[in-house]
Amino acid sequence: MNKKAAIALGAVIILVAGYYVYLTYSSKPIPAPALETVVVQNAGSSVNDKPLENAPDLNPVNKANPFKSVKTNPFE
């Protein structure tokens, strides 16, 4: 009988503690975002939206094509 009472008392304590934790954390309002988060979100507005607009031409074929001035295919 003593063992059953200890188990029942432990279960009641666990239930009460769980209910207390539930009430404590569910009633708190959601905090506002930190200042760092706001700064990170607004940082994109001053950055160039088209980063490849002024990209250099890195294609080696355009620079080293020996047949640029040829108008017909020399291999036909």
N, C-alpha and C. Protein backbone atom coordinates (compact mmCIF):
# COMPACT_ATOMS: atom_id res chain seq x y z
N MET A 1 0.83 -1.20 0.00
CA MET A 1 0.00 0.00 0.00
C MET A 1 0.87 1.26 0.00
N ASN A 2 1.96 1.24 0.72
CA ASN A 2 2.84 2.38 0.81
C ASN A 2 3.48 2.69 -0.55
N LYS A 3 3.79 1.64 -1.32
CA LYS A 3 4.41 1.81 -2.63
C LYS A 3 3.43 2.48 -3.60
N LYS A 4 2.18 2.08 -3.55
CA LYS A 4 1.16 2.68 -4.42
C LYS A 4 0.94 4.16 -4.07
N ALA A 5 0.98 4.48 -2.81
CA ALA A 5 0.78 5.87 -2.40
C ALA A 5 1.95 6.74 -2.87
N ALA A 6 3.16 6.20 -2.83
CA ALA A 6 4.33 6.95 -3.28
C ALA A 6 4.26 7.19 -4.80
N ILE A 7 3.83 6.19 -5.53
CA ILE A 7 3.68 6.33 -6.99
C ILE A 7 2.60 7.36 -7.31
N ALA A 8 1.49 7.31 -6.61
CA ALA A 8 0.40 8.26 -6.84
C ALA A 8 0.85 9.68 -6.49
N LEU A 9 1.55 9.83 -5.38
CA LEU A 9 2.03 11.15 -4.98
C LEU A 9 3.04 11.68 -6.01
N GLY A 10 3.92 10.84 -6.50
CA GLY A 10 4.89 11.24 -7.53
C GLY A 10 4.19 11.67 -8.81
N ALA A 11 3.15 10.94 -9.20
CA ALA A 11 2.40 11.29 -10.41
C ALA A 11 1.69 12.64 -10.23
N VAL A 12 1.14 12.88 -9.06
CA VAL A 12 0.46 14.15 -8.80
C VAL A 12 1.47 15.29 -8.83
N ILE A 13 2.65 15.09 -8.26
CA ILE A 13 3.68 16.13 -8.28
C ILE A 13 4.12 16.43 -9.70
N ILE A 14 4.31 15.39 -10.50
CA ILE A 14 4.72 15.59 -11.90
C ILE A 14 3.63 16.33 -12.68
N LEU A 15 2.38 15.98 -12.47
CA LEU A 15 1.28 16.66 -13.15
C LEU A 15 1.18 18.13 -12.75
N VAL A 16 1.32 18.41 -11.45
CA VAL A 16 1.25 19.80 -10.98
C VAL A 16 2.43 20.60 -11.54
N ALA A 17 3.62 20.02 -11.54
CA ALA A 17 4.79 20.72 -12.07
C ALA A 17 4.62 20.97 -13.58
N GLY A 18 4.12 20.00 -14.30
CA GLY A 18 3.88 20.17 -15.73
C GLY A 18 2.86 21.25 -16.01
N TYR A 19 1.79 21.29 -15.22
CA TYR A 19 0.76 22.32 -15.40
C TYR A 19 1.33 23.70 -15.10
N TYR A 20 2.18 23.81 -14.06
CA TYR A 20 2.81 25.08 -13.72
C TYR A 20 3.72 25.57 -14.86
N VAL A 21 4.51 24.66 -15.40
CA VAL A 21 5.40 25.03 -16.51
C VAL A 21 4.58 25.44 -17.73
N TYR A 22 3.50 24.73 -17.99
CA TYR A 22 2.63 25.08 -19.12
C TYR A 22 2.04 26.48 -18.95
N LEU A 23 1.54 26.79 -17.79
CA LEU A 23 0.97 28.11 -17.55
C LEU A 23 2.04 29.21 -17.60
N THR A 24 3.22 28.91 -17.12
CA THR A 24 4.30 29.91 -17.09
C THR A 24 4.74 30.27 -18.50
N TYR A 25 4.95 29.28 -19.34
CA TYR A 25 5.48 29.56 -20.67
C TYR A 25 4.42 29.89 -21.71
N SER A 26 3.19 29.48 -21.50
CA SER A 26 2.16 29.78 -22.50
C SER A 26 1.59 31.19 -22.34
N SER A 27 1.72 31.80 -21.17
CA SER A 27 1.14 33.13 -20.96
C SER A 27 2.11 34.25 -21.32
N LYS A 28 3.39 33.94 -21.58
CA LYS A 28 4.36 34.98 -21.93
C LYS A 28 4.15 35.40 -23.39
N PRO A 29 4.15 36.70 -23.66
CA PRO A 29 4.03 37.15 -25.05
C PRO A 29 5.32 36.84 -25.81
N ILE A 30 5.19 36.75 -27.11
CA ILE A 30 6.36 36.49 -27.95
C ILE A 30 7.22 37.74 -27.96
N PRO A 31 8.51 37.62 -27.65
CA PRO A 31 9.36 38.81 -27.60
C PRO A 31 9.60 39.38 -28.99
N ALA A 32 9.85 40.69 -29.03
CA ALA A 32 10.15 41.35 -30.30
C ALA A 32 11.50 40.87 -30.80
N PRO A 33 11.73 40.90 -32.11
CA PRO A 33 13.02 40.45 -32.62
C PRO A 33 14.15 41.34 -32.12
N ALA A 34 15.31 40.74 -31.96
CA ALA A 34 16.46 41.48 -31.46
C ALA A 34 16.89 42.52 -32.49
N LEU A 35 17.62 43.50 -32.04
CA LEU A 35 18.09 44.57 -32.91
C LEU A 35 18.98 44.01 -34.02
N GLU A 36 19.78 42.98 -33.71
CA GLU A 36 20.66 42.38 -34.71
C GLU A 36 19.84 41.79 -35.86
N THR A 37 18.71 41.18 -35.55
CA THR A 37 17.88 40.59 -36.58
C THR A 37 17.31 41.66 -37.49
N VAL A 38 16.88 42.77 -36.92
CA VAL A 38 16.33 43.87 -37.72
C VAL A 38 17.40 44.45 -38.62
N VAL A 39 18.61 44.59 -38.11
CA VAL A 39 19.72 45.13 -38.90
C VAL A 39 20.03 44.21 -40.06
N VAL A 40 20.03 42.91 -39.81
CA VAL A 40 20.33 41.95 -40.87
C VAL A 40 19.25 41.98 -41.94
N GLN A 41 18.00 42.10 -41.57
CA GLN A 41 16.92 42.13 -42.54
C GLN A 41 16.97 43.39 -43.39
N ASN A 42 17.37 44.52 -42.84
CA ASN A 42 17.41 45.77 -43.58
C ASN A 42 18.72 45.97 -44.33
N ALA A 43 19.69 45.11 -44.12
CA ALA A 43 21.00 45.27 -44.76
C ALA A 43 20.90 45.06 -46.26
N GLY A 44 19.96 44.27 -46.74
CA GLY A 44 19.85 43.99 -48.17
C GLY A 44 19.36 45.17 -48.99
N SER A 45 18.79 46.18 -48.38
CA SER A 45 18.24 47.29 -49.14
C SER A 45 19.33 48.17 -49.75
N SER A 46 20.52 48.22 -49.16
CA SER A 46 21.57 49.06 -49.69
C SER A 46 22.54 48.28 -50.58
N VAL A 47 22.34 47.00 -50.71
CA VAL A 47 23.22 46.17 -51.51
C VAL A 47 22.71 46.14 -52.95
N ASN A 48 23.62 46.06 -53.91
CA ASN A 48 23.24 46.00 -55.31
C ASN A 48 22.36 44.78 -55.56
N ASP A 49 21.19 44.99 -56.15
CA ASP A 49 20.27 43.90 -56.41
C ASP A 49 20.68 43.07 -57.62
N LYS A 50 21.50 43.61 -58.50
CA LYS A 50 21.97 42.90 -59.69
C LYS A 50 23.49 42.81 -59.64
N PRO A 51 24.03 41.82 -58.94
CA PRO A 51 25.48 41.78 -58.76
C PRO A 51 26.25 41.48 -60.05
N LEU A 52 25.63 40.86 -61.05
CA LEU A 52 26.34 40.51 -62.29
C LEU A 52 26.19 41.57 -63.37
N GLU A 53 25.63 42.70 -63.01
CA GLU A 53 25.42 43.75 -64.00
C GLU A 53 26.74 44.28 -64.57
N ASN A 54 27.75 44.46 -63.75
CA ASN A 54 29.04 44.97 -64.18
C ASN A 54 30.12 43.90 -64.10
N ALA A 55 29.76 42.65 -64.30
CA ALA A 55 30.72 41.56 -64.20
C ALA A 55 31.67 41.57 -65.39
N PRO A 56 32.94 41.25 -65.17
CA PRO A 56 33.88 41.21 -66.28
C PRO A 56 33.64 39.99 -67.16
N ASP A 57 34.07 40.06 -68.42
CA ASP A 57 33.93 38.95 -69.34
C ASP A 57 35.10 38.00 -69.12
N LEU A 58 34.82 36.86 -68.55
CA LEU A 58 35.87 35.90 -68.21
C LEU A 58 35.92 34.71 -69.17
N ASN A 59 35.15 34.75 -70.24
CA ASN A 59 35.12 33.65 -71.19
C ASN A 59 36.39 33.69 -72.06
N PRO A 60 37.28 32.70 -71.98
CA PRO A 60 38.52 32.74 -72.76
C PRO A 60 38.29 32.58 -74.26
N VAL A 61 37.19 32.03 -74.67
CA VAL A 61 36.92 31.85 -76.10
C VAL A 61 36.73 33.21 -76.78
N ASN A 62 36.07 34.12 -76.11
CA ASN A 62 35.85 35.45 -76.70
C ASN A 62 37.16 36.22 -76.84
N LYS A 63 38.13 35.95 -75.99
CA LYS A 63 39.39 36.68 -76.02
C LYS A 63 40.40 36.07 -76.99
N ALA A 64 40.37 34.77 -77.17
CA ALA A 64 41.40 34.08 -77.94
C ALA A 64 40.88 33.44 -79.22
N ASN A 65 39.78 33.90 -79.73
CA ASN A 65 39.22 33.31 -80.96
C ASN A 65 40.00 33.83 -82.17
N PRO A 66 40.75 32.96 -82.85
CA PRO A 66 41.54 33.43 -83.99
C PRO A 66 40.69 33.65 -85.24
N PHE A 67 39.47 33.18 -85.27
CA PHE A 67 38.63 33.27 -86.46
C PHE A 67 37.57 34.37 -86.35
N LYS A 68 37.80 35.41 -85.58
CA LYS A 68 36.82 36.47 -85.43
C LYS A 68 36.59 37.24 -86.72
N SER A 69 37.62 37.47 -87.48
CA SER A 69 37.48 38.26 -88.70
C SER A 69 37.04 37.42 -89.90
N VAL A 70 37.02 36.11 -89.78
CA VAL A 70 36.62 35.24 -90.89
C VAL A 70 35.12 35.20 -90.96
N LYS A 71 34.58 35.41 -92.15
CA LYS A 71 33.12 35.46 -92.33
C LYS A 71 32.54 34.11 -92.73
N THR A 72 33.36 33.24 -93.29
CA THR A 72 32.88 31.92 -93.68
C THR A 72 33.61 30.85 -92.90
N ASN A 73 33.07 29.69 -92.89
CA ASN A 73 33.69 28.58 -92.19
C ASN A 73 34.88 28.08 -93.03
N PRO A 74 36.11 28.12 -92.51
CA PRO A 74 37.27 27.69 -93.30
C PRO A 74 37.36 26.18 -93.44
N PHE A 75 36.57 25.44 -92.74
CA PHE A 75 36.68 23.98 -92.77
C PHE A 75 35.66 23.34 -93.74
N GLU A 76 34.89 24.09 -94.43
CA GLU A 76 33.93 23.51 -95.38
C GLU A 76 34.51 23.39 -96.77
